[in-house]
C-alpha cells in the first residue's frame, strides 16, 4: 500500500503546485477515510477548466496510457496514466449513464469537503455524499451501504 500512497503524494504535489482544483475520489478516497482496507487504483477528479493544466503538471511524472472508459461512463475528459507503477484515472466532467438517463456529475469546489495530510502533502477529498450517489448510479450497493454506515457513525 505504501507504493500506492507514494504515487498519490507525487501526483498531489504536482497538482497542488500547479494550482489545480482537484479531489481524490473512489476507493482510494474511501481508504483514506478508513471505509475500505485497500484500493486498486487512484481516481482523480479534476475541475473541467483545469484539465489541460493537470495533464501538463502530471506529464513529467509518468506515461499516458491508451484506454477507453466503460460504456456506462460518458465522462467528458477521461485519461489514464501510470505514475510510479500505479494506474491513475483522471476524470473531469464525470458523466454516467444509468437506467436510461444521463447524469452529469462534475467536480464542484463545494464538494471538496475534507483534506488529509500525508507527510506534508495535502490531499483534497471529494465528498462522501457525492460518491454515495456515484456508487448508487454504478449499482455498487456495498459501497453505498459502507459510505452510509460511515456517515451514520460520524458525530454531528
N, C-alpha and C. Protein backbone atom coordinates (compact mmCIF):
# COMPACT_ATOMS: atom_id res chain seq x y z
N UNK A 1 0.82 -1.19 0.00
CA UNK A 1 0.00 0.00 0.00
C UNK A 1 0.87 1.26 0.00
N UNK A 2 2.07 1.16 0.57
CA UNK A 2 2.95 2.33 0.64
C UNK A 2 3.31 2.87 -0.74
N UNK A 3 3.49 1.98 -1.73
CA UNK A 3 3.83 2.44 -3.08
C UNK A 3 2.66 3.20 -3.70
N UNK A 4 1.44 2.77 -3.43
CA UNK A 4 0.27 3.47 -3.95
C UNK A 4 0.15 4.85 -3.31
N UNK A 5 0.38 4.92 -2.02
CA UNK A 5 0.30 6.21 -1.34
C UNK A 5 1.41 7.13 -1.80
N UNK A 6 2.57 6.58 -2.11
CA UNK A 6 3.68 7.39 -2.63
C UNK A 6 3.31 7.98 -3.99
N UNK A 7 2.69 7.19 -4.85
CA UNK A 7 2.26 7.69 -6.15
C UNK A 7 1.20 8.78 -5.99
N UNK A 8 0.28 8.58 -5.05
CA UNK A 8 -0.73 9.60 -4.77
C UNK A 8 -0.08 10.90 -4.32
N UNK A 9 0.87 10.82 -3.42
CA UNK A 9 1.55 12.03 -2.94
C UNK A 9 2.31 12.72 -4.08
N UNK A 10 2.94 11.95 -4.94
CA UNK A 10 3.65 12.52 -6.08
C UNK A 10 2.69 13.30 -6.97
N UNK A 11 1.55 12.70 -7.29
CA UNK A 11 0.55 13.37 -8.13
C UNK A 11 -0.01 14.59 -7.42
N UNK A 12 -0.29 14.46 -6.12
CA UNK A 12 -0.85 15.57 -5.35
C UNK A 12 0.09 16.77 -5.33
N UNK A 13 1.38 16.52 -5.13
CA UNK A 13 2.35 17.62 -5.14
C UNK A 13 2.30 18.40 -6.45
N UNK A 14 2.24 17.66 -7.55
CA UNK A 14 2.22 18.30 -8.87
C UNK A 14 0.92 19.09 -9.08
N UNK A 15 -0.20 18.50 -8.73
CA UNK A 15 -1.49 19.18 -8.92
C UNK A 15 -1.61 20.39 -8.01
N UNK A 16 -1.23 20.23 -6.75
CA UNK A 16 -1.30 21.35 -5.81
C UNK A 16 -0.36 22.47 -6.25
N UNK A 17 0.83 22.10 -6.69
CA UNK A 17 1.81 23.09 -7.13
C UNK A 17 1.36 23.89 -8.34
N UNK A 18 0.50 23.29 -9.16
CA UNK A 18 0.00 23.97 -10.36
C UNK A 18 -1.30 24.72 -10.10
N UNK A 19 -1.78 24.68 -8.85
CA UNK A 19 -3.00 25.41 -8.50
C UNK A 19 -4.26 24.83 -9.11
N UNK A 20 -4.30 23.54 -9.27
CA UNK A 20 -5.42 22.86 -9.91
C UNK A 20 -6.49 22.50 -8.88
N UNK A 21 -7.74 22.69 -9.27
CA UNK A 21 -8.86 22.25 -8.44
C UNK A 21 -9.06 20.76 -8.73
N UNK A 22 -8.85 19.95 -7.70
CA UNK A 22 -8.96 18.50 -7.87
C UNK A 22 -9.34 17.88 -6.54
N UNK A 23 -9.76 16.63 -6.59
CA UNK A 23 -10.08 15.89 -5.38
C UNK A 23 -9.90 14.40 -5.64
N UNK A 24 -9.52 13.71 -4.61
CA UNK A 24 -9.41 12.25 -4.67
C UNK A 24 -10.80 11.65 -4.51
N UNK A 25 -11.11 10.70 -5.35
CA UNK A 25 -12.40 10.01 -5.26
C UNK A 25 -12.20 8.51 -5.23
N UNK A 26 -13.29 7.78 -5.38
CA UNK A 26 -13.25 6.34 -5.50
C UNK A 26 -12.73 5.62 -4.27
N UNK A 27 -12.22 4.42 -4.51
CA UNK A 27 -11.81 3.56 -3.39
C UNK A 27 -10.61 4.11 -2.62
N UNK A 28 -9.73 4.88 -3.28
CA UNK A 28 -8.61 5.48 -2.55
C UNK A 28 -9.12 6.51 -1.55
N UNK A 29 -10.14 7.27 -1.93
CA UNK A 29 -10.75 8.22 -1.00
C UNK A 29 -11.40 7.47 0.15
N UNK A 30 -12.10 6.37 -0.15
CA UNK A 30 -12.71 5.55 0.91
C UNK A 30 -11.63 5.00 1.84
N UNK A 31 -10.50 4.61 1.27
CA UNK A 31 -9.38 4.09 2.06
C UNK A 31 -8.88 5.14 3.06
N UNK A 32 -8.71 6.37 2.60
CA UNK A 32 -8.21 7.42 3.49
C UNK A 32 -9.21 7.75 4.60
N UNK A 33 -10.47 7.47 4.37
CA UNK A 33 -11.49 7.64 5.42
C UNK A 33 -11.55 6.42 6.35
N UNK A 34 -10.89 5.32 5.96
CA UNK A 34 -10.96 4.11 6.76
C UNK A 34 -12.20 3.27 6.47
N UNK A 35 -12.87 3.53 5.35
CA UNK A 35 -14.09 2.80 4.99
C UNK A 35 -13.76 1.47 4.33
N UNK A 36 -12.65 1.42 3.62
CA UNK A 36 -12.20 0.19 2.98
C UNK A 36 -10.73 -0.02 3.35
N UNK A 37 -10.28 -1.25 3.25
CA UNK A 37 -8.91 -1.53 3.68
C UNK A 37 -7.90 -1.63 2.53
N UNK A 38 -8.36 -1.36 1.32
CA UNK A 38 -7.44 -1.40 0.18
C UNK A 38 -8.04 -0.61 -0.99
N UNK A 39 -7.19 -0.35 -1.97
CA UNK A 39 -7.65 0.24 -3.22
C UNK A 39 -6.72 -0.22 -4.33
N UNK A 40 -7.27 -0.30 -5.54
CA UNK A 40 -6.52 -0.81 -6.68
C UNK A 40 -5.86 0.31 -7.48
N UNK A 41 -6.61 1.39 -7.69
CA UNK A 41 -6.08 2.50 -8.46
C UNK A 41 -6.49 3.80 -7.80
N UNK A 42 -6.15 4.90 -8.44
CA UNK A 42 -6.43 6.22 -7.88
C UNK A 42 -7.31 6.97 -8.86
N UNK A 43 -8.44 7.45 -8.36
CA UNK A 43 -9.36 8.26 -9.17
C UNK A 43 -9.19 9.72 -8.79
N UNK A 44 -8.71 10.50 -9.73
CA UNK A 44 -8.52 11.93 -9.51
C UNK A 44 -9.62 12.68 -10.25
N UNK A 45 -10.43 13.39 -9.49
CA UNK A 45 -11.49 14.20 -10.06
C UNK A 45 -10.89 15.59 -10.29
N UNK A 46 -10.99 16.09 -11.52
CA UNK A 46 -10.37 17.35 -11.89
C UNK A 46 -11.47 18.32 -12.32
N UNK A 47 -11.36 19.58 -11.93
CA UNK A 47 -12.29 20.60 -12.42
C UNK A 47 -12.09 20.71 -13.93
N UNK A 48 -13.19 20.79 -14.66
CA UNK A 48 -13.10 20.80 -16.12
C UNK A 48 -12.21 21.91 -16.67
N UNK A 49 -12.23 23.06 -16.03
CA UNK A 49 -11.42 24.18 -16.54
C UNK A 49 -9.92 23.95 -16.31
N UNK A 50 -9.58 22.95 -15.51
CA UNK A 50 -8.17 22.69 -15.19
C UNK A 50 -7.60 21.44 -15.86
N UNK A 51 -8.34 20.83 -16.77
CA UNK A 51 -7.90 19.56 -17.37
C UNK A 51 -6.53 19.69 -18.03
N UNK A 52 -6.36 20.66 -18.89
CA UNK A 52 -5.09 20.78 -19.62
C UNK A 52 -3.93 21.09 -18.68
N UNK A 53 -4.17 21.96 -17.69
CA UNK A 53 -3.14 22.25 -16.70
C UNK A 53 -2.76 20.99 -15.92
N UNK A 54 -3.75 20.17 -15.60
CA UNK A 54 -3.49 18.93 -14.86
C UNK A 54 -2.65 17.98 -15.69
N UNK A 55 -2.99 17.84 -16.96
CA UNK A 55 -2.21 16.95 -17.83
C UNK A 55 -0.77 17.44 -17.95
N UNK A 56 -0.59 18.75 -18.06
CA UNK A 56 0.77 19.30 -18.15
C UNK A 56 1.54 19.08 -16.85
N UNK A 57 0.86 19.23 -15.71
CA UNK A 57 1.53 19.07 -14.42
C UNK A 57 1.93 17.61 -14.18
N UNK A 58 1.10 16.68 -14.65
CA UNK A 58 1.35 15.26 -14.39
C UNK A 58 2.24 14.60 -15.45
N UNK A 59 2.29 15.16 -16.64
CA UNK A 59 3.02 14.53 -17.75
C UNK A 59 4.46 14.14 -17.41
N UNK A 60 5.23 14.98 -16.72
CA UNK A 60 6.62 14.60 -16.44
C UNK A 60 6.76 13.45 -15.43
N UNK A 61 5.67 13.09 -14.77
CA UNK A 61 5.73 12.09 -13.70
C UNK A 61 5.53 10.65 -14.15
N UNK A 62 5.01 10.47 -15.34
CA UNK A 62 4.71 9.10 -15.78
C UNK A 62 4.34 9.08 -17.24
N UNK A 63 3.58 8.06 -17.61
CA UNK A 63 3.20 7.96 -19.02
C UNK A 63 1.69 7.83 -19.14
N UNK A 64 1.19 8.39 -20.23
CA UNK A 64 -0.23 8.28 -20.54
C UNK A 64 -0.48 6.88 -21.10
N UNK A 65 -1.61 6.32 -20.76
CA UNK A 65 -1.99 5.00 -21.24
C UNK A 65 -3.15 5.15 -22.21
N UNK A 66 -3.19 4.27 -23.21
CA UNK A 66 -4.34 4.24 -24.11
C UNK A 66 -5.45 3.48 -23.40
N UNK A 67 -6.58 4.14 -23.23
CA UNK A 67 -7.67 3.45 -22.55
C UNK A 67 -8.99 4.10 -22.92
N UNK A 68 -10.01 3.33 -22.81
CA UNK A 68 -11.37 3.79 -23.02
C UNK A 68 -12.17 3.47 -21.77
N UNK A 69 -12.94 4.44 -21.30
CA UNK A 69 -13.77 4.14 -20.12
C UNK A 69 -14.88 3.17 -20.48
N UNK A 70 -15.43 2.53 -19.47
CA UNK A 70 -16.56 1.63 -19.61
C UNK A 70 -17.70 2.36 -20.32
N UNK A 71 -18.55 1.61 -21.04
CA UNK A 71 -19.64 2.21 -21.80
C UNK A 71 -20.64 2.96 -20.92
N UNK A 72 -20.72 2.63 -19.63
CA UNK A 72 -21.65 3.34 -18.75
C UNK A 72 -21.12 4.73 -18.38
N UNK A 73 -19.86 5.02 -18.74
CA UNK A 73 -19.28 6.33 -18.48
C UNK A 73 -19.32 7.15 -19.77
N UNK A 74 -19.80 8.35 -19.66
CA UNK A 74 -19.79 9.29 -20.78
C UNK A 74 -18.97 10.51 -20.40
N UNK A 75 -18.02 10.31 -19.53
CA UNK A 75 -17.21 11.37 -18.96
C UNK A 75 -16.58 12.21 -20.06
N UNK A 76 -16.66 13.53 -19.88
CA UNK A 76 -16.19 14.46 -20.92
C UNK A 76 -14.68 14.38 -21.13
N UNK A 77 -13.93 14.19 -20.05
CA UNK A 77 -12.47 14.09 -20.14
C UNK A 77 -12.03 12.92 -19.27
N UNK A 78 -11.48 11.90 -19.89
CA UNK A 78 -11.01 10.72 -19.16
C UNK A 78 -9.62 10.37 -19.67
N UNK A 79 -8.67 10.29 -18.75
CA UNK A 79 -7.30 9.93 -19.09
C UNK A 79 -6.80 8.93 -18.06
N UNK A 80 -5.96 8.05 -18.51
CA UNK A 80 -5.34 7.10 -17.60
C UNK A 80 -3.83 7.26 -17.72
N UNK A 81 -3.19 7.34 -16.56
CA UNK A 81 -1.74 7.50 -16.50
C UNK A 81 -1.16 6.43 -15.61
N UNK A 82 0.11 6.20 -15.79
CA UNK A 82 0.84 5.34 -14.87
C UNK A 82 1.95 6.19 -14.25
N UNK A 83 1.90 6.28 -12.92
CA UNK A 83 2.91 7.02 -12.17
C UNK A 83 3.47 6.08 -11.11
N UNK A 84 4.77 5.91 -11.12
CA UNK A 84 5.43 5.02 -10.17
C UNK A 84 4.79 3.63 -10.16
N UNK A 85 4.40 3.15 -11.35
CA UNK A 85 3.84 1.82 -11.50
C UNK A 85 2.38 1.68 -11.13
N UNK A 86 1.73 2.79 -10.78
CA UNK A 86 0.33 2.73 -10.35
C UNK A 86 -0.54 3.45 -11.37
N UNK A 87 -1.73 2.88 -11.61
CA UNK A 87 -2.67 3.47 -12.53
C UNK A 87 -3.47 4.58 -11.87
N UNK A 88 -3.49 5.74 -12.53
CA UNK A 88 -4.29 6.88 -12.09
C UNK A 88 -5.32 7.17 -13.17
N UNK A 89 -6.57 7.31 -12.77
CA UNK A 89 -7.63 7.73 -13.68
C UNK A 89 -7.91 9.19 -13.41
N UNK A 90 -7.81 10.01 -14.44
CA UNK A 90 -8.12 11.44 -14.34
C UNK A 90 -9.47 11.65 -15.01
N UNK A 91 -10.41 12.23 -14.25
CA UNK A 91 -11.75 12.44 -14.78
C UNK A 91 -12.17 13.87 -14.55
N UNK A 92 -12.70 14.47 -15.58
CA UNK A 92 -13.28 15.81 -15.46
C UNK A 92 -14.62 15.77 -16.20
N UNK A 93 -15.63 16.32 -15.58
CA UNK A 93 -16.95 16.25 -16.19
C UNK A 93 -17.51 14.85 -16.14
N UNK A 94 -17.36 14.18 -14.99
CA UNK A 94 -17.87 12.82 -14.84
C UNK A 94 -19.33 12.78 -15.27
N UNK A 95 -19.63 11.87 -16.18
CA UNK A 95 -21.00 11.69 -16.66
C UNK A 95 -21.27 10.20 -16.72
N UNK A 96 -22.35 9.80 -16.09
CA UNK A 96 -22.72 8.38 -16.03
C UNK A 96 -24.07 8.16 -16.69
N UNK A 97 -24.19 7.02 -17.34
CA UNK A 97 -25.48 6.61 -17.89
C UNK A 97 -25.99 5.49 -17.00
N UNK A 98 -27.20 5.71 -16.46
CA UNK A 98 -27.80 4.71 -15.57
C UNK A 98 -29.31 4.74 -15.75
N UNK A 99 -29.87 3.58 -15.88
CA UNK A 99 -31.32 3.44 -16.01
C UNK A 99 -31.89 4.32 -17.12
N UNK A 100 -31.16 4.39 -18.23
CA UNK A 100 -31.63 5.14 -19.39
C UNK A 100 -31.49 6.64 -19.28
N UNK A 101 -30.88 7.12 -18.21
CA UNK A 101 -30.70 8.56 -18.02
C UNK A 101 -29.22 8.90 -17.96
N UNK A 102 -28.90 10.12 -18.33
CA UNK A 102 -27.53 10.61 -18.26
C UNK A 102 -27.41 11.54 -17.06
N UNK A 103 -26.37 11.30 -16.24
CA UNK A 103 -26.15 12.07 -15.03
C UNK A 103 -24.79 12.77 -15.12
N UNK A 104 -24.83 14.09 -15.17
CA UNK A 104 -23.62 14.90 -15.26
C UNK A 104 -23.19 15.26 -13.85
N UNK A 105 -21.99 14.82 -13.45
CA UNK A 105 -21.52 14.96 -12.07
C UNK A 105 -20.11 15.57 -12.02
N UNK A 106 -19.95 16.80 -12.49
CA UNK A 106 -18.61 17.40 -12.48
C UNK A 106 -18.17 17.72 -11.06
N UNK A 107 -16.87 17.79 -10.87
CA UNK A 107 -16.33 18.21 -9.58
C UNK A 107 -16.71 19.65 -9.32
N UNK A 108 -17.28 19.89 -8.15
CA UNK A 108 -17.61 21.26 -7.71
C UNK A 108 -16.76 21.56 -6.48
N UNK A 109 -16.27 22.78 -6.40
CA UNK A 109 -15.42 23.16 -5.27
C UNK A 109 -16.06 22.84 -3.93
N UNK A 110 -17.37 23.06 -3.81
CA UNK A 110 -18.05 22.82 -2.53
C UNK A 110 -18.12 21.33 -2.18
N UNK A 111 -17.80 20.46 -3.14
CA UNK A 111 -17.77 19.02 -2.87
C UNK A 111 -16.41 18.55 -2.37
N UNK A 112 -15.47 19.45 -2.25
CA UNK A 112 -14.18 19.12 -1.62
C UNK A 112 -14.39 19.44 -0.15
N UNK A 113 -14.72 18.42 0.61
CA UNK A 113 -15.21 18.62 1.97
C UNK A 113 -14.16 18.40 3.05
N UNK A 114 -13.09 17.72 2.71
CA UNK A 114 -12.06 17.43 3.71
C UNK A 114 -10.71 17.35 3.01
N UNK A 115 -9.69 17.45 3.83
CA UNK A 115 -8.31 17.28 3.35
C UNK A 115 -7.62 16.31 4.29
N UNK A 116 -6.79 15.46 3.73
CA UNK A 116 -5.93 14.59 4.52
C UNK A 116 -4.49 15.01 4.25
N UNK A 117 -3.73 15.14 5.31
CA UNK A 117 -2.33 15.48 5.14
C UNK A 117 -1.51 14.19 5.19
N UNK A 118 -0.65 14.03 4.21
CA UNK A 118 0.23 12.87 4.15
C UNK A 118 1.65 13.38 4.00
N UNK A 119 2.40 13.35 5.10
CA UNK A 119 3.80 13.78 5.08
C UNK A 119 3.96 15.16 4.46
N UNK A 120 3.10 16.09 4.87
CA UNK A 120 3.19 17.46 4.40
C UNK A 120 2.48 17.74 3.09
N UNK A 121 1.88 16.74 2.49
CA UNK A 121 1.17 16.91 1.23
C UNK A 121 -0.33 16.87 1.52
N UNK A 122 -1.04 17.91 1.09
CA UNK A 122 -2.48 17.96 1.32
C UNK A 122 -3.21 17.23 0.19
N UNK A 123 -4.11 16.34 0.59
CA UNK A 123 -4.90 15.56 -0.35
C UNK A 123 -6.36 15.99 -0.18
N UNK A 124 -6.93 16.72 -1.16
CA UNK A 124 -8.34 17.08 -1.07
C UNK A 124 -9.20 15.85 -1.36
N UNK A 125 -10.23 15.67 -0.55
CA UNK A 125 -11.12 14.51 -0.71
C UNK A 125 -12.47 14.96 -1.25
N UNK A 126 -12.92 14.26 -2.29
CA UNK A 126 -14.25 14.50 -2.83
C UNK A 126 -15.27 14.06 -1.78
N UNK A 127 -16.41 14.66 -1.77
CA UNK A 127 -17.38 14.40 -0.70
C UNK A 127 -17.90 12.97 -0.74
N UNK A 128 -18.11 12.45 0.45
CA UNK A 128 -18.68 11.11 0.58
C UNK A 128 -20.09 11.06 0.02
N UNK A 129 -20.84 12.13 0.18
CA UNK A 129 -22.20 12.18 -0.35
C UNK A 129 -22.19 12.08 -1.88
N UNK A 130 -21.24 12.76 -2.51
CA UNK A 130 -21.12 12.68 -3.98
C UNK A 130 -20.82 11.24 -4.40
N UNK A 131 -19.92 10.58 -3.67
CA UNK A 131 -19.57 9.20 -4.03
C UNK A 131 -20.66 8.20 -3.66
N UNK A 132 -21.44 8.50 -2.67
CA UNK A 132 -22.60 7.63 -2.39
C UNK A 132 -23.53 7.66 -3.60
N UNK A 133 -23.75 8.84 -4.16
CA UNK A 133 -24.59 8.96 -5.36
C UNK A 133 -23.95 8.27 -6.56
N UNK A 134 -22.66 8.50 -6.77
CA UNK A 134 -21.95 7.87 -7.90
C UNK A 134 -22.05 6.35 -7.80
N UNK A 135 -21.76 5.80 -6.62
CA UNK A 135 -21.81 4.34 -6.47
C UNK A 135 -23.24 3.82 -6.62
N UNK A 136 -24.24 4.59 -6.22
CA UNK A 136 -25.63 4.18 -6.43
C UNK A 136 -25.94 4.09 -7.93
N UNK A 137 -25.49 5.08 -8.68
CA UNK A 137 -25.70 5.07 -10.14
C UNK A 137 -24.95 3.93 -10.80
N UNK A 138 -23.79 3.57 -10.24
CA UNK A 138 -22.99 2.47 -10.79
C UNK A 138 -23.46 1.10 -10.31
N UNK A 139 -24.52 1.10 -9.53
CA UNK A 139 -25.08 -0.16 -8.98
C UNK A 139 -24.05 -0.89 -8.13
N UNK A 140 -23.46 -0.16 -7.19
CA UNK A 140 -22.49 -0.73 -6.26
C UNK A 140 -23.05 -0.61 -4.84
N UNK A 141 -24.08 -1.39 -4.50
CA UNK A 141 -24.77 -1.22 -3.20
C UNK A 141 -23.89 -1.42 -1.98
N UNK A 142 -22.86 -2.28 -2.08
CA UNK A 142 -21.98 -2.47 -0.92
C UNK A 142 -21.23 -1.18 -0.59
N UNK A 143 -20.82 -0.46 -1.63
CA UNK A 143 -20.12 0.80 -1.41
C UNK A 143 -21.09 1.86 -0.86
N UNK A 144 -22.29 1.90 -1.41
CA UNK A 144 -23.30 2.84 -0.92
C UNK A 144 -23.56 2.60 0.56
N UNK A 145 -23.75 1.34 0.91
CA UNK A 145 -24.03 0.99 2.31
C UNK A 145 -22.84 1.32 3.22
N UNK A 146 -21.63 1.05 2.75
CA UNK A 146 -20.44 1.32 3.56
C UNK A 146 -20.30 2.82 3.83
N UNK A 147 -20.55 3.63 2.81
CA UNK A 147 -20.48 5.08 2.98
C UNK A 147 -21.57 5.54 3.94
N UNK A 148 -22.78 5.03 3.76
CA UNK A 148 -23.89 5.44 4.63
C UNK A 148 -23.62 5.04 6.08
N UNK A 149 -23.11 3.84 6.28
CA UNK A 149 -22.78 3.39 7.65
C UNK A 149 -21.74 4.32 8.27
N UNK A 150 -20.73 4.68 7.50
CA UNK A 150 -19.69 5.59 7.98
C UNK A 150 -20.29 6.94 8.35
N UNK A 151 -21.11 7.48 7.46
CA UNK A 151 -21.72 8.79 7.71
C UNK A 151 -22.63 8.75 8.94
N UNK A 152 -23.34 7.64 9.14
CA UNK A 152 -24.21 7.49 10.30
C UNK A 152 -23.44 7.46 11.60
N UNK A 153 -22.21 6.99 11.58
CA UNK A 153 -21.39 6.86 12.79
C UNK A 153 -20.62 8.13 13.13
N UNK A 154 -20.55 9.06 12.18
CA UNK A 154 -19.79 10.30 12.41
C UNK A 154 -20.55 11.23 13.35
N UNK A 155 -19.85 11.87 14.25
CA UNK A 155 -20.53 12.84 15.12
C UNK A 155 -20.95 14.07 14.33
N UNK A 156 -22.06 14.66 14.75
CA UNK A 156 -22.53 15.91 14.16
C UNK A 156 -23.19 15.69 12.88
